[in-house]
């Protein structure tokens, strides 16, 4: 069997792909009622080499993308860093870094996030200012902001209460007069 390069050279020289003896053998096996069909497929060696290099480059790209995806997933699932710095007149000092304590100071303490009385008063005053605001031009926006200050489910309940009892319509009528 000839190599692809030899076959191409022979085809360019005009010798054809088959010699007379192989053609005679092949035609003796062909039935007379079937059509004779010869499939001639010869690949150019330069094309084969180009395809091989392209598949190799594609494989390298796929490997790089898979490694990067694994790295991104690792960074996404990793716990975030926590760094606590105590800034005093004596200088900055790292108190905690990634759950490793370096010692607490008087001015730094850890506790769950809980709203204080001052935080609650600030939120209520902001809500009341928006709810009872008396500016008909931006009333809808004020009510929307007031309801967004609430927990989502309670905000929907409050809005349904206002709509069901026609409170918003009463306030609108009072503002016109």
Protein backbone atom coordinates (compact mmCIF):
# COMPACT_ATOMS: atom_id res chain seq x y z
CA UNK A 1 0.00 0.00 0.00
CA UNK A 2 1.36 3.39 -1.01
CA UNK A 3 1.64 6.32 1.35
CA UNK A 4 -0.39 9.48 0.80
CA UNK A 5 2.63 11.36 -0.56
CA UNK A 6 3.43 8.59 -3.06
CA UNK A 7 -0.20 8.45 -4.17
CA UNK A 8 -0.29 12.21 -4.75
CA UNK A 9 2.96 12.10 -6.70
CA UNK A 10 1.66 9.25 -8.84
CA UNK A 11 -1.62 11.10 -9.45
CA UNK A 12 0.25 14.24 -10.51
CA UNK A 13 2.38 12.18 -12.89
CA UNK A 14 -0.80 10.88 -14.52
CA UNK A 15 -0.27 7.26 -13.56
CA UNK A 16 -3.67 7.00 -11.85
CA UNK A 17 -4.42 5.31 -8.61
CA UNK A 18 -4.70 1.75 -9.87
CA UNK A 19 -2.63 -0.32 -12.21
CA UNK A 20 -4.21 -2.43 -14.97
CA UNK A 21 -4.08 -5.70 -13.04
CA UNK A 22 -5.92 -4.33 -9.98
CA UNK A 23 -8.56 -2.74 -12.23
CA UNK A 24 -9.16 -6.07 -13.97
CA UNK A 25 -9.52 -7.86 -10.63
CA UNK A 26 -11.93 -5.25 -9.33
CA UNK A 27 -14.11 -5.29 -12.43
CA UNK A 28 -14.42 -9.07 -12.37
CA UNK A 29 -16.00 -8.88 -8.91
CA UNK A 30 -18.53 -6.17 -9.89
CA UNK A 31 -21.97 -7.46 -10.81
CA UNK A 32 -23.29 -6.45 -14.16
CA UNK A 33 -26.56 -5.06 -12.75
CA UNK A 34 -24.81 -2.64 -10.34
CA UNK A 35 -23.19 0.62 -11.28
CA UNK A 36 -19.45 0.78 -10.89
CA UNK A 37 -18.38 3.34 -8.33
CA UNK A 38 -14.83 4.14 -7.39
CA UNK A 39 -14.27 6.38 -4.39
CA UNK A 40 -11.00 8.25 -4.56
CA UNK A 41 -10.05 9.93 -1.30
CA UNK A 42 -6.53 11.18 -0.87
CA UNK A 43 -5.62 13.66 1.83
CA UNK A 44 -3.02 16.32 1.26
CA UNK A 45 -0.15 15.81 3.73
CA UNK A 46 0.03 19.55 4.43
CA UNK A 47 -3.67 19.60 5.29
CA UNK A 48 -3.29 16.60 7.56
CA UNK A 49 -0.40 18.28 9.36
CA UNK A 50 -2.35 21.55 9.69
CA UNK A 51 -5.36 19.70 11.08
CA UNK A 52 -3.18 17.84 13.57
CA UNK A 53 -1.64 21.11 14.81
CA UNK A 54 -5.05 22.80 15.05
CA UNK A 55 -6.47 19.91 17.08
CA UNK A 56 -3.44 20.10 19.37
CA UNK A 57 -3.89 23.87 19.84
CA UNK A 58 -7.60 23.33 20.51
CA UNK A 59 -6.75 20.69 23.11
CA UNK A 60 -4.37 23.10 24.86
CA UNK A 61 -7.06 25.82 24.86
CA UNK A 62 -9.65 23.42 26.32
CA UNK A 63 -7.23 22.40 29.08
CA UNK A 64 -6.49 26.06 29.91
CA UNK A 65 -10.21 26.89 30.04
CA UNK A 66 -10.97 23.91 32.29
CA UNK A 67 -8.14 24.82 34.67
CA UNK A 68 -9.33 28.43 34.80
CA UNK A 69 -12.94 27.32 35.44
CA UNK A 70 -11.79 25.10 38.32
CA UNK A 71 -9.74 27.98 39.77
CA UNK A 72 -12.69 30.40 39.48
CA UNK A 73 -15.00 27.89 41.17
CA UNK A 74 -12.49 27.43 43.98
CA UNK A 75 -12.29 31.19 44.53
CA UNK A 76 -16.07 31.53 44.41
CA UNK A 77 -16.68 28.80 47.01
CA UNK A 78 -13.88 29.87 49.35
CA UNK A 79 -14.83 31.80 52.47
CA UNK A 80 -14.05 35.50 52.25
CA UNK A 81 -11.13 36.96 54.13
CA UNK A 82 -11.89 38.85 57.31
CA UNK A 83 -9.38 41.39 58.49
CA UNK A 84 -10.05 43.58 61.53
CA UNK A 85 -7.69 46.51 62.08
CA UNK A 86 -7.65 48.58 65.26
CA UNK A 87 -6.74 52.16 64.37
CA UNK A 88 -5.59 54.05 67.41
CA UNK A 89 -3.33 57.00 68.07
CA UNK A 90 -0.54 54.50 68.81
CA UNK A 91 -0.78 53.12 65.27
CA UNK A 92 -2.71 50.52 63.31
CA UNK A 93 -2.79 46.99 64.64
CA UNK A 94 -4.27 43.86 63.06
CA UNK A 95 -6.62 42.24 65.55
CA UNK A 96 -8.08 39.34 63.52
CA UNK A 97 -7.12 37.89 60.16
CA UNK A 98 -8.98 34.90 58.68
CA UNK A 99 -10.33 33.70 62.06
CA UNK A 100 -6.88 33.87 63.67
CA UNK A 101 -6.92 36.24 66.59
CA UNK A 102 -3.91 38.39 67.33
CA UNK A 103 -5.37 39.79 70.54
CA UNK A 104 -8.28 42.09 71.28
CA UNK A 105 -7.98 45.68 72.40
CA UNK A 106 -10.28 47.85 74.46
CA UNK A 107 -11.78 49.55 71.43
CA UNK A 108 -12.57 46.41 69.39
CA UNK A 109 -15.20 43.82 70.22
CA UNK A 110 -17.00 41.12 68.26
CA UNK A 111 -20.73 40.49 68.45
CA UNK A 112 -23.58 39.62 66.12
CA UNK A 113 -24.98 42.53 64.15
CA UNK A 114 -27.95 43.86 66.13
CA UNK A 115 -29.62 47.24 65.62
CA UNK A 116 -29.24 49.57 68.56
CA UNK A 117 -31.90 51.95 69.92
CA UNK A 118 -30.35 54.79 67.89
CA UNK A 119 -30.52 52.70 64.70
CA UNK A 120 -34.18 51.90 65.33
CA UNK A 121 -35.07 55.55 65.96
CA UNK A 122 -33.26 56.61 62.77
CA UNK A 123 -35.15 54.03 60.66
CA UNK A 124 -38.54 54.97 62.16
CA UNK A 125 -37.96 58.69 61.65
CA UNK A 126 -36.92 58.04 58.02
CA UNK A 127 -40.01 55.89 57.44
CA UNK A 128 -42.39 58.44 59.01
CA UNK A 129 -40.79 61.28 57.04
CA UNK A 130 -41.40 59.36 53.80
CA UNK A 131 -44.87 58.09 54.78
CA UNK A 132 -46.24 61.41 56.02
CA UNK A 133 -44.31 63.51 53.53
CA UNK A 134 -46.57 66.16 52.08
CA UNK A 135 -45.24 66.61 48.57
CA UNK A 136 -47.89 65.57 46.00
CA UNK A 137 -45.40 65.71 43.12
CA UNK A 138 -43.25 62.86 44.46
CA UNK A 139 -45.78 61.12 46.74
CA UNK A 140 -45.68 57.82 44.86
CA UNK A 141 -41.88 57.67 45.08
CA UNK A 142 -41.98 58.53 48.81
CA UNK A 143 -44.46 55.71 49.54
CA UNK A 144 -42.39 53.28 47.50
CA UNK A 145 -39.22 54.18 49.43
CA UNK A 146 -41.08 53.94 52.76
CA UNK A 147 -42.36 50.46 51.93
CA UNK A 148 -38.89 49.38 50.76
CA UNK A 149 -37.54 50.24 54.22
CA UNK A 150 -39.70 47.42 55.58
CA UNK A 151 -39.10 43.68 55.38
CA UNK A 152 -40.39 42.53 51.97
CA UNK A 153 -43.32 40.43 53.22
CA UNK A 154 -44.42 43.08 55.75
CA UNK A 155 -44.11 45.78 53.10
CA UNK A 156 -46.49 43.88 50.81
CA UNK A 157 -48.95 43.37 53.69
CA UNK A 158 -48.81 47.06 54.57
CA UNK A 159 -49.36 48.10 50.96
CA UNK A 160 -52.35 45.74 50.69
CA UNK A 161 -53.75 47.24 53.92
CA UNK A 162 -53.38 50.77 52.52
CA UNK A 163 -55.04 49.80 49.27
CA UNK A 164 -57.83 47.76 50.88
CA UNK A 165 -58.78 50.57 53.31
CA UNK A 166 -58.36 53.27 50.64
CA UNK A 167 -55.88 55.15 52.81
CA UNK A 168 -53.86 56.29 49.82
CA UNK A 169 -56.96 57.73 48.13
CA UNK A 170 -57.92 59.59 51.32
CA UNK A 171 -54.43 61.09 51.61
CA UNK A 172 -54.53 62.12 47.95
CA UNK A 173 -57.90 63.83 48.45
CA UNK A 174 -56.62 65.63 51.58
CA UNK A 175 -53.58 66.89 49.72
CA UNK A 176 -55.75 68.41 46.96
CA UNK A 177 -57.78 70.45 49.39
